[in-house]
Amino acid sequence: METKKIFDYQVDDNMALFVLIKGADVRIAKNGKKFIAFTFADRSGEISAKFWDASERDIEQFQAGRVVALQGKRENYQQNPQIKIFKLRLTNEGEPSEPQLYLQSAPESTQDMEKEIDEIIFEITNPTWNRIVRYLLKKFHSQFFSFPAAKKNHHDFAGGLAFHTLSILRLAHAVVKEYPDINASLLYAGAILHDLGKSLELSGPVATVYTVPGNLLGHIVLVDEEIAKACEKLQIDPMSEDAVLLRHMIVAHHGLMEYGSPVRPHLLEAEVLHHLDDLDASIQMMRKALGHTEPGEYTERIFGMDNRNFYRPQGNNTKQ
């Protein structure tokens, strides 16, 4: 088996490699037969594939979280990269079968991210916000620094939640420097907690799925509840102005009700956080797609960017 990764192969290349099954959705084809819609992954990225006429044994064997030996062909379908499967099997004894070997991870170490976030927490001078942030980061420490920020689209890799948060904090520093009337403590506290609910909404970095609370409540509701519980534990009134301001930062950060926020931003800092969150997520989605695109070509259509595609200029020969 070759040591090349998914995106080392070009369109029309035959492929032979080990990959992680990150997603395996069983669906019904037009002919009434079952097929599996796969998402295969390794450290170069993710790619889709269809396994037609899947038997019950195939469905039982090829489940998310397992590593498989894949033979196929790299193709494009409607401008999206995919694999035509020739042969698929589970790994044998002695072959690299640990899912962690195939996970993309944040471009910075957990230790470095943790250190920088800890330093920023010292800049949260409001004692109510500082105590709540410290309490919740301690409670969800393991998940916060290991989970992705999404199942798909942006920062969908191990450590993506912490890296997305840190990226927003760095942007927030620049904005506060430019606009000193912004309440920096509130902006930093809101940025750190805005996606902490992903720790409860998602299952983890391997074969990421939405949990039952994640599907039925969502990360905004989940983290607002955690803030209220933290207030109770820390003997802070959850309806005090400081607590409500922080909770508003969380519940408004999607910006629009149709995007999942129960209210639109009504604080300067909440509006800023919404735009910084959207900016970082958008840049990450575009960089991910451009990294798999040759100069002079267009990316696949990006679902999270209104199904737009993006051009990689001829002079851009730098891999993302």
C-alpha atoms as a PDB file:
ATOM      1  CA  MET A   1       0.000   0.000   0.000  1.00  0.00           C
ATOM      2  CA  GLU A   2       1.379   3.420  -0.957  1.00  0.00           C
ATOM      3  CA  THR A   3       2.152   6.068   1.663  1.00  0.00           C
ATOM      4  CA  LYS A   4       0.562   8.873  -0.380  1.00  0.00           C
ATOM      5  CA  LYS A   5      -2.388  10.708   1.161  1.00  0.00           C
ATOM      6  CA  ILE A   6      -5.786  11.465  -0.376  1.00  0.00           C
ATOM      7  CA  PHE A   7      -4.940  14.827  -1.873  1.00  0.00           C
ATOM      8  CA  ASP A   8      -1.503  13.728  -3.108  1.00  0.00           C
ATOM      9  CA  TYR A   9      -3.462  12.042  -5.898  1.00  0.00           C
ATOM     10  CA  GLN A  10      -4.600  14.062  -8.910  1.00  0.00           C
ATOM     11  CA  VAL A  11      -7.894  13.748 -10.771  1.00  0.00           C
ATOM     12  CA  ASP A  12      -8.019  10.471 -12.758  1.00  0.00           C
ATOM     13  CA  ASP A  13      -5.199   8.917 -10.685  1.00  0.00           C
ATOM     14  CA  ASN A  14      -5.753   5.384  -9.381  1.00  0.00           C
ATOM     15  CA  MET A  15      -5.463   5.305  -5.603  1.00  0.00           C
ATOM     16  CA  ALA A  16      -4.351   2.716  -3.041  1.00  0.00           C
ATOM     17  CA  LEU A  17      -4.104   3.863   0.560  1.00  0.00           C
ATOM     18  CA  PHE A  18      -5.396   3.549   4.117  1.00  0.00           C
ATOM     19  CA  VAL A  19      -8.084   6.014   5.176  1.00  0.00           C
ATOM     20  CA  LEU A  20     -10.356   6.673   8.139  1.00  0.00           C
ATOM     21  CA  ILE A  21     -14.100   6.375   7.631  1.00  0.00           C
ATOM     22  CA  LYS A  22     -15.191   9.684   9.127  1.00  0.00           C
ATOM     23  CA  GLY A  23     -18.789   9.358   7.962  1.00  0.00           C
ATOM     24  CA  ALA A  24     -20.879   6.428   6.686  1.00  0.00           C
ATOM     25  CA  ASP A  25     -24.499   7.277   5.930  1.00  0.00           C
ATOM     26  CA  VAL A  26     -26.713   4.460   4.623  1.00  0.00           C
ATOM     27  CA  ARG A  27     -29.101   5.669   1.916  1.00  0.00           C
ATOM     28  CA  ILE A  28     -31.525   4.200  -0.627  1.00  0.00           C
ATOM     29  CA  ALA A  29     -30.731   4.544  -4.347  1.00  0.00           C
ATOM     30  CA  LYS A  30     -33.351   5.096  -7.065  1.00  0.00           C
ATOM     31  CA  ASN A  31     -33.313   1.335  -7.793  1.00  0.00           C
ATOM     32  CA  GLY A  32     -34.344   0.661  -4.197  1.00  0.00           C
ATOM     33  CA  LYS A  33     -30.990  -0.781  -3.165  1.00  0.00           C
ATOM     34  CA  LYS A  34     -28.932   0.497  -0.238  1.00  0.00           C
ATOM     35  CA  PHE A  35     -25.679   2.366  -0.685  1.00  0.00           C
ATOM     36  CA  ILE A  36     -23.214   3.971   1.729  1.00  0.00           C
ATOM     37  CA  ALA A  37     -22.282   7.641   1.367  1.00  0.00           C
ATOM     38  CA  PHE A  38     -18.775   7.734   2.784  1.00  0.00           C
ATOM     39  CA  THR A  39     -16.586  10.549   3.985  1.00  0.00           C
ATOM     40  CA  PHE A  40     -12.995   9.291   3.934  1.00  0.00           C
ATOM     41  CA  ALA A  41     -10.296  11.213   5.773  1.00  0.00           C
ATOM     42  CA  ASP A  42      -6.589  11.381   6.427  1.00  0.00           C
ATOM     43  CA  ARG A  43      -4.263  14.181   7.448  1.00  0.00           C
ATOM     44  CA  SER A  44      -4.481  15.792   3.997  1.00  0.00           C
ATOM     45  CA  GLY A  45      -8.247  16.290   4.189  1.00  0.00           C
ATOM     46  CA  GLU A  46     -11.623  14.665   3.543  1.00  0.00           C
ATOM     47  CA  ILE A  47     -13.289  13.345   0.392  1.00  0.00           C
ATOM     48  CA  SER A  48     -16.621  11.719  -0.392  1.00  0.00           C
ATOM     49  CA  ALA A  49     -17.362   8.383  -2.065  1.00  0.00           C
ATOM     50  CA  LYS A  50     -20.368   6.184  -2.801  1.00  0.00           C
ATOM     51  CA  PHE A  51     -20.399   2.437  -2.123  1.00  0.00           C
ATOM     52  CA  TRP A  52     -23.188   1.097  -4.326  1.00  0.00           C
ATOM     53  CA  ASP A  53     -25.330  -1.991  -3.712  1.00  0.00           C
ATOM     54  CA  ALA A  54     -24.145  -2.303  -0.117  1.00  0.00           C
ATOM     55  CA  SER A  55     -24.991  -5.577   1.625  1.00  0.00           C
ATOM     56  CA  GLU A  56     -25.949  -5.791   5.291  1.00  0.00           C
ATOM     57  CA  ARG A  57     -22.460  -7.142   5.961  1.00  0.00           C
ATOM     58  CA  ASP A  58     -20.901  -4.131   4.209  1.00  0.00           C
ATOM     59  CA  ILE A  59     -23.036  -1.795   6.308  1.00  0.00           C
ATOM     60  CA  GLU A  60     -22.025  -3.620   9.486  1.00  0.00           C
ATOM     61  CA  GLN A  61     -18.310  -3.632   8.596  1.00  0.00           C
ATOM     62  CA  PHE A  62     -17.753  -0.171   7.169  1.00  0.00           C
ATOM     63  CA  GLN A  63     -18.817   2.059  10.023  1.00  0.00           C
ATOM     64  CA  ALA A  64     -17.604   5.514  10.976  1.00  0.00           C
ATOM     65  CA  GLY A  65     -14.466   5.464  13.108  1.00  0.00           C
ATOM     66  CA  ARG A  66     -12.889   2.451  11.394  1.00  0.00           C
ATOM     67  CA  VAL A  67      -9.795   2.430   9.197  1.00  0.00           C
ATOM     68  CA  VAL A  68      -9.980   0.748   5.783  1.00  0.00           C
ATOM     69  CA  ALA A  69      -7.700  -0.140   2.889  1.00  0.00           C
ATOM     70  CA  LEU A  70      -9.091   1.675  -0.139  1.00  0.00           C
ATOM     71  CA  GLN A  71      -8.472   1.147  -3.829  1.00  0.00           C
ATOM     72  CA  GLY A  72     -10.170   3.512  -6.229  1.00  0.00           C
ATOM     73  CA  LYS A  73      -9.863   6.457  -8.567  1.00  0.00           C
ATOM     74  CA  ARG A  74      -9.794  10.177  -7.802  1.00  0.00           C
ATOM     75  CA  GLU A  75     -12.565  11.971  -9.680  1.00  0.00           C
ATOM     76  CA  ASN A  76     -14.526  15.199  -9.730  1.00  0.00           C
ATOM     77  CA  TYR A  77     -18.331  15.172  -9.716  1.00  0.00           C
ATOM     78  CA  GLN A  78     -20.122  18.474 -10.256  1.00  0.00           C
ATOM     79  CA  GLN A  79     -16.869  20.278  -9.368  1.00  0.00           C
ATOM     80  CA  ASN A  80     -16.576  18.399  -6.073  1.00  0.00           C
ATOM     81  CA  PRO A  81     -13.736  15.916  -5.431  1.00  0.00           C
ATOM     82  CA  GLN A  82     -14.765  12.317  -4.856  1.00  0.00           C
ATOM     83  CA  ILE A  83     -13.453   8.748  -5.115  1.00  0.00           C
ATOM     84  CA  LYS A  84     -14.772   5.970  -7.308  1.00  0.00           C
ATOM     85  CA  ILE A  85     -14.353   2.857  -5.161  1.00  0.00           C
ATOM     86  CA  PHE A  86     -12.817  -0.247  -6.746  1.00  0.00           C
ATOM     87  CA  LYS A  87     -12.166  -2.251  -3.567  1.00  0.00           C
ATOM     88  CA  LEU A  88     -12.603  -1.711   0.145  1.00  0.00           C
ATOM     89  CA  ARG A  89     -11.648  -3.819   3.157  1.00  0.00           C
ATOM     90  CA  LEU A  90     -10.968  -3.439   6.857  1.00  0.00           C
ATOM     91  CA  THR A  91      -7.331  -3.287   7.928  1.00  0.00           C
ATOM     92  CA  ASN A  92      -5.510  -6.510   8.784  1.00  0.00           C
ATOM     93  CA  GLU A  93      -3.383  -7.158  11.853  1.00  0.00           C
ATOM     94  CA  GLY A  94      -0.137  -5.219  11.626  1.00  0.00           C
ATOM     95  CA  GLU A  95      -1.576  -2.514   9.365  1.00  0.00           C
ATOM     96  CA  PRO A  96      -2.018   1.076  10.615  1.00  0.00           C
ATOM     97  CA  SER A  97      -5.506   0.928  12.110  1.00  0.00           C
ATOM     98  CA  GLU A  98      -5.466   3.643  14.798  1.00  0.00           C
ATOM     99  CA  PRO A  99      -7.972   6.404  13.869  1.00  0.00           C
ATOM    100  CA  GLN A 100      -5.728   9.074  15.433  1.00  0.00           C
ATOM    101  CA  LEU A 101      -3.169   8.447  12.669  1.00  0.00           C
ATOM    102  CA  TYR A 102      -5.629   9.856  10.126  1.00  0.00           C
ATOM    103  CA  LEU A 103      -6.961  12.894  11.965  1.00  0.00           C
ATOM    104  CA  GLN A 104      -6.194  16.395  10.833  1.00  0.00           C
ATOM    105  CA  SER A 105      -5.208  18.564  13.763  1.00  0.00           C
ATOM    106  CA  ALA A 106      -4.825  22.229  14.610  1.00  0.00           C
ATOM    107  CA  PRO A 107      -1.703  23.879  13.173  1.00  0.00           C
ATOM    108  CA  GLU A 108      -0.577  24.841  16.677  1.00  0.00           C
ATOM    109  CA  SER A 109       0.090  22.613  19.670  1.00  0.00           C
ATOM    110  CA  THR A 110      -2.375  22.267  22.516  1.00  0.00           C
ATOM    111  CA  GLN A 111       0.259  23.578  24.931  1.00  0.00           C
ATOM    112  CA  ASP A 112       0.863  26.753  22.902  1.00  0.00           C
ATOM    113  CA  MET A 113      -2.851  27.439  22.440  1.00  0.00           C
ATOM    114  CA  GLU A 114      -3.559  26.846  26.114  1.00  0.00           C
ATOM    115  CA  LYS A 115      -0.774  29.190  27.172  1.00  0.00           C
ATOM    116  CA  GLU A 116      -1.968  32.016  24.906  1.00  0.00           C
ATOM    117  CA  ILE A 117      -5.606  31.669  25.944  1.00  0.00           C
ATOM    118  CA  ASP A 118      -4.580  31.637  29.617  1.00  0.00           C
ATOM    119  CA  GLU A 119      -2.678  34.889  29.077  1.00  0.00           C
ATOM    120  CA  ILE A 120      -5.717  36.518  27.496  1.00  0.00           C
ATOM    121  CA  ILE A 121      -7.910  35.451  30.420  1.00  0.00           C
ATOM    122  CA  PHE A 122      -5.766  37.723  32.626  1.00  0.00           C
ATOM    123  CA  GLU A 123      -6.972  40.604  30.426  1.00  0.00           C
ATOM    124  CA  ILE A 124     -10.592  39.888  31.439  1.00  0.00           C
ATOM    125  CA  THR A 125     -10.593  42.331  34.345  1.00  0.00           C
ATOM    126  CA  ASN A 126     -14.302  42.061  35.166  1.00  0.00           C
ATOM    127  CA  PRO A 127     -14.373  39.543  38.062  1.00  0.00           C
ATOM    128  CA  THR A 128     -17.754  38.023  37.140  1.00  0.00           C
ATOM    129  CA  TRP A 129     -16.726  37.247  33.567  1.00  0.00           C
ATOM    130  CA  ASN A 130     -13.259  36.109  34.604  1.00  0.00           C
ATOM    131  CA  ARG A 131     -14.605  33.647  37.176  1.00  0.00           C
ATOM    132  CA  ILE A 132     -17.198  32.187  34.805  1.00  0.00           C
ATOM    133  CA  VAL A 133     -14.664  31.765  31.995  1.00  0.00           C
ATOM    134  CA  ARG A 134     -12.119  30.093  34.271  1.00  0.00           C
ATOM    135  CA  TYR A 135     -14.746  27.773  35.778  1.00  0.00           C
ATOM    136  CA  LEU A 136     -16.122  26.606  32.423  1.00  0.00           C
ATOM    137  CA  LEU A 137     -12.733  26.212  30.739  1.00  0.00           C
ATOM    138  CA  LYS A 138     -11.633  24.021  33.638  1.00  0.00           C
ATOM    139  CA  LYS A 139     -14.859  21.993  33.462  1.00  0.00           C
ATOM    140  CA  PHE A 140     -14.575  21.355  29.709  1.00  0.00           C
ATOM    141  CA  HIS A 141     -10.782  21.538  29.372  1.00  0.00           C
ATOM    142  CA  SER A 142     -10.253  18.183  27.664  1.00  0.00           C
ATOM    143  CA  GLN A 143     -13.050  18.649  25.126  1.00  0.00           C
ATOM    144  CA  PHE A 144     -12.221  22.298  24.444  1.00  0.00           C
ATOM    145  CA  PHE A 145      -8.650  21.535  23.397  1.00  0.00           C
ATOM    146  CA  SER A 146      -9.343  18.295  21.497  1.00  0.00           C
ATOM    147  CA  PHE A 147     -12.748  18.709  19.802  1.00  0.00           C
ATOM    148  CA  PRO A 148     -13.379  20.128  16.332  1.00  0.00           C
ATOM    149  CA  ALA A 149     -15.426  23.311  15.969  1.00  0.00           C
ATOM    150  CA  ALA A 150     -17.832  21.646  13.529  1.00  0.00           C
ATOM    151  CA  LYS A 151     -18.738  18.294  11.993  1.00  0.00           C
ATOM    152  CA  LYS A 152     -17.981  19.728   8.547  1.00  0.00           C
ATOM    153  CA  ASN A 153     -17.133  23.073   6.978  1.00  0.00           C
ATOM    154  CA  HIS A 154     -14.872  25.162   9.247  1.00  0.00           C
ATOM    155  CA  HIS A 155     -12.260  23.977  11.765  1.00  0.00           C
ATOM    156  CA  ASP A 156     -13.525  20.393  11.472  1.00  0.00           C
ATOM    157  CA  PHE A 157     -10.304  18.891  12.833  1.00  0.00           C
ATOM    158  CA  ALA A 158      -8.929  17.807  16.190  1.00  0.00           C
ATOM    159  CA  GLY A 159      -8.211  20.902  18.268  1.00  0.00           C
ATOM    160  CA  GLY A 160     -10.282  23.017  15.885  1.00  0.00           C
ATOM    161  CA  LEU A 161     -12.491  24.390  18.652  1.00  0.00           C
ATOM    162  CA  ALA A 162      -9.567  25.865  20.577  1.00  0.00           C
ATOM    163  CA  PHE A 163      -7.826  27.062  17.404  1.00  0.00           C
ATOM    164  CA  HIS A 164     -10.989  28.804  16.130  1.00  0.00           C
ATOM    165  CA  THR A 165     -11.417  30.440  19.527  1.00  0.00           C
ATOM    166  CA  LEU A 166      -7.796  31.589  19.637  1.00  0.00           C
ATOM    167  CA  SER A 167      -7.999  32.971  16.087  1.00  0.00           C
ATOM    168  CA  ILE A 168     -11.010  35.077  17.097  1.00  0.00           C
ATOM    169  CA  LEU A 169      -9.195  36.298  20.218  1.00  0.00           C
ATOM    170  CA  ARG A 170      -6.255  37.431  18.076  1.00  0.00           C
ATOM    171  CA  LEU A 171      -8.628  39.296  15.764  1.00  0.00           C
ATOM    172  CA  ALA A 172     -10.362  40.761  18.814  1.00  0.00           C
ATOM    173  CA  HIS A 173      -7.044  42.129  20.079  1.00  0.00           C
ATOM    174  CA  ALA A 174      -6.559  43.979  16.793  1.00  0.00           C
ATOM    175  CA  VAL A 175     -10.099  45.379  16.858  1.00  0.00           C
ATOM    176  CA  VAL A 176      -9.775  46.577  20.469  1.00  0.00           C
ATOM    177  CA  LYS A 177      -6.510  48.309  19.587  1.00  0.00           C
ATOM    178  CA  GLU A 178      -8.256  50.130  16.729  1.00  0.00           C
ATOM    179  CA  TYR A 179     -11.435  50.901  18.721  1.00  0.00           C
ATOM    180  CA  PRO A 180     -10.452  51.415  22.389  1.00  0.00           C
ATOM    181  CA  ASP A 181     -14.041  52.199  23.473  1.00  0.00           C
ATOM    182  CA  ILE A 182     -14.924  48.515  23.009  1.00  0.00           C
ATOM    183  CA  ASN A 183     -15.219  46.649  26.312  1.00  0.00           C
ATOM    184  CA  ALA A 184     -12.269  44.303  25.832  1.00  0.00           C
ATOM    185  CA  SER A 185     -13.111  42.132  28.845  1.00  0.00           C
ATOM    186  CA  LEU A 186     -16.603  41.424  27.540  1.00  0.00           C
ATOM    187  CA  LEU A 187     -15.402  40.739  23.991  1.00  0.00           C
ATOM    188  CA  TYR A 188     -12.665  38.330  25.144  1.00  0.00           C
ATOM    189  CA  ALA A 189     -14.969  36.502  27.575  1.00  0.00           C
ATOM    190  CA  GLY A 190     -17.654  36.130  24.913  1.00  0.00           C
ATOM    191  CA  ALA A 191     -15.104  34.939  22.352  1.00  0.00           C
ATOM    192  CA  ILE A 192     -13.763  32.224  24.679  1.00  0.00           C
ATOM    193  CA  LEU A 193     -17.219  30.906  25.556  1.00  0.00           C
ATOM    194  CA  HIS A 194     -19.111  31.473  22.288  1.00  0.00           C
ATOM    195  CA  ASP A 195     -18.593  27.933  20.929  1.00  0.00           C
ATOM    196  CA  LEU A 196     -17.879  26.090  24.181  1.00  0.00           C
ATOM    197  CA  GLY A 197     -21.234  24.341  23.753  1.00  0.00           C
ATOM    198  CA  LYS A 198     -19.648  22.371  20.893  1.00  0.00           C
ATOM    199  CA  SER A 199     -18.138  20.282  23.713  1.00  0.00           C
ATOM    200  CA  LEU A 200     -21.660  19.001  24.326  1.00  0.00           C
ATOM    201  CA  GLU A 201     -23.091  19.372  20.817  1.00  0.00           C
ATOM    202  CA  LEU A 202     -20.488  17.128  19.125  1.00  0.00           C
ATOM    203  CA  SER A 203     -19.220  13.625  19.904  1.00  0.00           C
ATOM    204  CA  GLY A 204     -15.490  14.334  19.496  1.00  0.00           C
ATOM    205  CA  PRO A 205     -12.790  14.450  16.790  1.00  0.00           C
ATOM    206  CA  VAL A 206     -13.126  10.831  15.533  1.00  0.00           C
ATOM    207  CA  ALA A 207     -16.211  10.084  13.382  1.00  0.00           C
ATOM    208  CA  THR A 208     -17.798  13.332  14.545  1.00  0.00           C
ATOM    209  CA  VAL A 209     -21.582  13.275  14.923  1.00  0.00           C
ATOM    210  CA  TYR A 210     -24.112  15.467  16.668  1.00  0.00           C
ATOM    211  CA  THR A 211     -25.154  14.255  20.108  1.00  0.00           C
ATOM    212  CA  VAL A 212     -28.837  14.052  21.061  1.00  0.00           C
ATOM    213  CA  PRO A 213     -28.589  17.334  23.048  1.00  0.00           C
ATOM    214  CA  GLY A 214     -26.642  18.801  20.136  1.00  0.00           C
ATOM    215  CA  ASN A 215     -29.387  17.956  17.676  1.00  0.00           C
ATOM    216  CA  LEU A 216     -32.321  18.871  19.906  1.00  0.00           C
ATOM    217  CA  LEU A 217     -30.927  21.937  21.674  1.00  0.00           C
ATOM    218  CA  GLY A 218     -27.780  23.159  19.885  1.00  0.00           C
ATOM    219  CA  HIS A 219     -24.564  24.616  21.211  1.00  0.00           C
ATOM    220  CA  ILE A 220     -25.953  28.098  21.883  1.00  0.00           C
ATOM    221  CA  VAL A 221     -28.627  26.821  24.263  1.00  0.00           C
ATOM    222  CA  LEU A 222     -26.218  24.338  25.815  1.00  0.00           C
ATOM    223  CA  VAL A 223     -23.535  26.878  26.693  1.00  0.00           C
ATOM    224  CA  ASP A 224     -26.072  29.427  27.957  1.00  0.00           C
ATOM    225  CA  GLU A 225     -27.318  26.732  30.329  1.00  0.00           C
ATOM    226  CA  GLU A 226     -23.735  26.025  31.401  1.00  0.00           C
ATOM    227  CA  ILE A 227     -23.197  29.720  32.169  1.00  0.00           C
ATOM    228  CA  ALA A 228     -26.341  29.725  34.310  1.00  0.00           C
ATOM    229  CA  LYS A 229     -25.141  26.618  36.174  1.00  0.00           C
ATOM    230  CA  ALA A 230     -21.697  28.193  36.639  1.00  0.00           C
ATOM    231  CA  CYS A 231     -23.350  31.284  38.136  1.00  0.00           C
ATOM    232  CA  GLU A 232     -25.214  29.099  40.612  1.00  0.00           C
ATOM    233  CA  LYS A 233     -22.008  27.267  41.563  1.00  0.00           C
ATOM    234  CA  LEU A 234     -20.066  30.531  41.923  1.00  0.00           C
ATOM    235  CA  GLN A 235     -22.931  32.296  43.777  1.00  0.00           C
ATOM    236  CA  ILE A 236     -23.410  34.846  41.001  1.00  0.00           C
ATOM    237  CA  ASP A 237     -26.901  36.070  40.170  1.00  0.00           C
ATOM    238  CA  PRO A 238     -27.524  34.770  36.589  1.00  0.00           C
ATOM    239  CA  MET A 239     -29.855  37.729  36.026  1.00  0.00           C
ATOM    240  CA  SER A 240     -27.342  40.358  37.181  1.00  0.00           C
ATOM    241  CA  GLU A 241     -26.329  42.783  34.443  1.00  0.00           C
ATOM    242  CA  ASP A 242     -22.809  41.332  34.112  1.00  0.00           C
ATOM    243  CA  ALA A 243     -24.143  37.796  33.729  1.00  0.00           C
ATOM    244  CA  VAL A 244     -26.839  38.828  31.255  1.00  0.00           C
ATOM    245  CA  LEU A 245     -24.351  40.784  29.134  1.00  0.00           C
ATOM    246  CA  LEU A 246     -22.115  37.727  28.882  1.00  0.00           C
ATOM    247  CA  ARG A 247     -25.048  35.453  28.085  1.00  0.00           C
ATOM    248  CA  HIS A 248     -26.166  37.882  25.364  1.00  0.00           C
ATOM    249  CA  MET A 249     -22.706  37.602  23.764  1.00  0.00           C
ATOM    250  CA  ILE A 250     -23.297  33.873  23.414  1.00  0.00           C
ATOM    251  CA  VAL A 251     -26.922  33.780  22.305  1.00  0.00           C
ATOM    252  CA  ALA A 252     -26.450  36.550  19.714  1.00  0.00           C
ATOM    253  CA  HIS A 253     -23.193  35.412  18.116  1.00  0.00           C
ATOM    254  CA  HIS A 254     -24.809  33.820  15.028  1.00  0.00           C
ATOM    255  CA  GLY A 255     -26.113  37.272  14.190  1.00  0.00           C
ATOM    256  CA  LEU A 256     -29.488  36.330  12.710  1.00  0.00           C
ATOM    257  CA  MET A 257     -32.381  34.307  14.067  1.00  0.00           C
ATOM    258  CA  GLU A 258     -32.498  32.191  10.896  1.00  0.00           C
ATOM    259  CA  TYR A 259     -28.894  31.185  11.646  1.00  0.00           C
ATOM    260  CA  GLY A 260     -29.773  29.920  15.112  1.00  0.00           C
ATOM    261  CA  SER A 261     -29.471  32.911  17.421  1.00  0.00           C
ATOM    262  CA  PRO A 262     -32.605  33.531  19.528  1.00  0.00           C
ATOM    263  CA  VAL A 263     -31.838  37.270  19.437  1.00  0.00           C
ATOM    264  CA  ARG A 264     -29.839  39.575  17.202  1.00  0.00           C
ATOM    265  CA  PRO A 265     -26.857  41.446  18.695  1.00  0.00           C
ATOM    266  CA  HIS A 266     -27.854  44.441  20.833  1.00  0.00           C
ATOM    267  CA  LEU A 267     -24.388  45.205  22.206  1.00  0.00           C
ATOM    268  CA  LEU A 268     -21.438  46.694  20.359  1.00  0.00           C
ATOM    269  CA  GLU A 269     -19.270  43.814  21.574  1.00  0.00           C
ATOM    270  CA  ALA A 270     -21.843  41.199  20.492  1.00  0.00           C
ATOM    271  CA  GLU A 271     -21.965  42.652  16.975  1.00  0.00           C
ATOM    272  CA  VAL A 272     -18.162  42.599  16.799  1.00  0.00           C
ATOM    273  CA  LEU A 273     -18.009  38.990  18.019  1.00  0.00           C
ATOM    274  CA  HIS A 274     -20.562  37.913  15.405  1.00  0.00           C
ATOM    275  CA  HIS A 275     -18.491  39.419  12.582  1.00  0.00           C
ATOM    276  CA  LEU A 276     -15.186  38.054  13.880  1.00  0.00           C
ATOM    277  CA  ASP A 277     -16.705  34.578  14.203  1.00  0.00           C
ATOM    278  CA  ASP A 278     -18.088  34.756  10.661  1.00  0.00           C
ATOM    279  CA  LEU A 279     -14.804  36.123   9.282  1.00  0.00           C
ATOM    280  CA  ASP A 280     -12.644  33.404  10.818  1.00  0.00           C
ATOM    281  CA  ALA A 281     -15.018  30.604   9.799  1.00  0.00           C
ATOM    282  CA  SER A 282     -15.242  31.918   6.235  1.00  0.00           C
ATOM    283  CA  ILE A 283     -11.493  32.287   5.817  1.00  0.00           C
ATOM    284  CA  GLN A 284     -10.920  28.779   7.149  1.00  0.00           C
ATOM    285  CA  MET A 285     -13.447  27.255   4.711  1.00  0.00           C
ATOM    286  CA  MET A 286     -11.884  29.085   1.769  1.00  0.00           C
ATOM    287  CA  ARG A 287      -8.312  28.207   2.750  1.00  0.00           C
ATOM    288  CA  LYS A 288      -9.268  24.554   3.108  1.00  0.00           C
ATOM    289  CA  ALA A 289     -10.762  24.437  -0.397  1.00  0.00           C
ATOM    290  CA  LEU A 290      -8.004  26.513  -2.005  1.00  0.00           C
ATOM    291  CA  GLY A 291      -5.395  24.188  -0.513  1.00  0.00           C
ATOM    292  CA  HIS A 292      -6.757  21.378  -2.708  1.00  0.00           C
ATOM    293  CA  THR A 293      -7.000  23.520  -5.831  1.00  0.00           C
ATOM    294  CA  GLU A 294      -4.375  23.983  -8.529  1.00  0.00           C
ATOM    295  CA  PRO A 295      -3.390  27.546  -9.541  1.00  0.00           C
ATOM    296  CA  GLY A 296      -5.618  28.768 -12.353  1.00  0.00           C
ATOM    297  CA  GLU A 297      -8.513  26.567 -11.238  1.00  0.00           C
ATOM    298  CA  TYR A 298     -11.662  27.050  -9.155  1.00  0.00           C
ATOM    299  CA  THR A 299     -12.382  25.306  -5.855  1.00  0.00           C
ATOM    300  CA  GLU A 300     -15.348  23.021  -5.393  1.00  0.00           C
ATOM    301  CA  ARG A 301     -18.532  24.782  -4.353  1.00  0.00           C
ATOM    302  CA  ILE A 302     -18.443  25.484  -0.614  1.00  0.00           C
ATOM    303  CA  PHE A 303     -21.747  24.800   1.133  1.00  0.00           C
ATOM    304  CA  GLY A 304     -20.998  27.159   4.028  1.00  0.00           C
ATOM    305  CA  MET A 305     -20.213  29.989   1.578  1.00  0.00           C
ATOM    306  CA  ASP A 306     -23.603  29.963  -0.178  1.00  0.00           C
ATOM    307  CA  ASN A 307     -22.346  27.259  -2.553  1.00  0.00           C
ATOM    308  CA  ARG A 308     -19.896  29.686  -4.162  1.00  0.00           C
ATOM    309  CA  ASN A 309     -16.564  28.545  -5.546  1.00  0.00           C
ATOM    310  CA  PHE A 310     -13.326  30.521  -5.433  1.00  0.00           C
ATOM    311  CA  TYR A 311     -10.528  31.063  -7.942  1.00  0.00           C
ATOM    312  CA  ARG A 312      -6.914  30.352  -7.075  1.00  0.00           C
ATOM    313  CA  PRO A 313      -4.779  32.835  -9.036  1.00  0.00           C
ATOM    314  CA  GLN A 314      -2.012  31.575 -11.344  1.00  0.00           C
ATOM    315  CA  GLY A 315       0.681  33.177  -9.240  1.00  0.00           C
ATOM    316  CA  ASN A 316      -0.503  31.471  -6.035  1.00  0.00           C
ATOM    317  CA  ASN A 317       1.709  28.400  -5.762  1.00  0.00           C
ATOM    318  CA  THR A 318       1.738  28.259  -1.976  1.00  0.00           C
ATOM    319  CA  LYS A 319      -0.102  25.327  -0.394  1.00  0.00           C
ATOM    320  CA  GLN A 320      -2.551  26.384   2.270  1.00  0.00           C
END
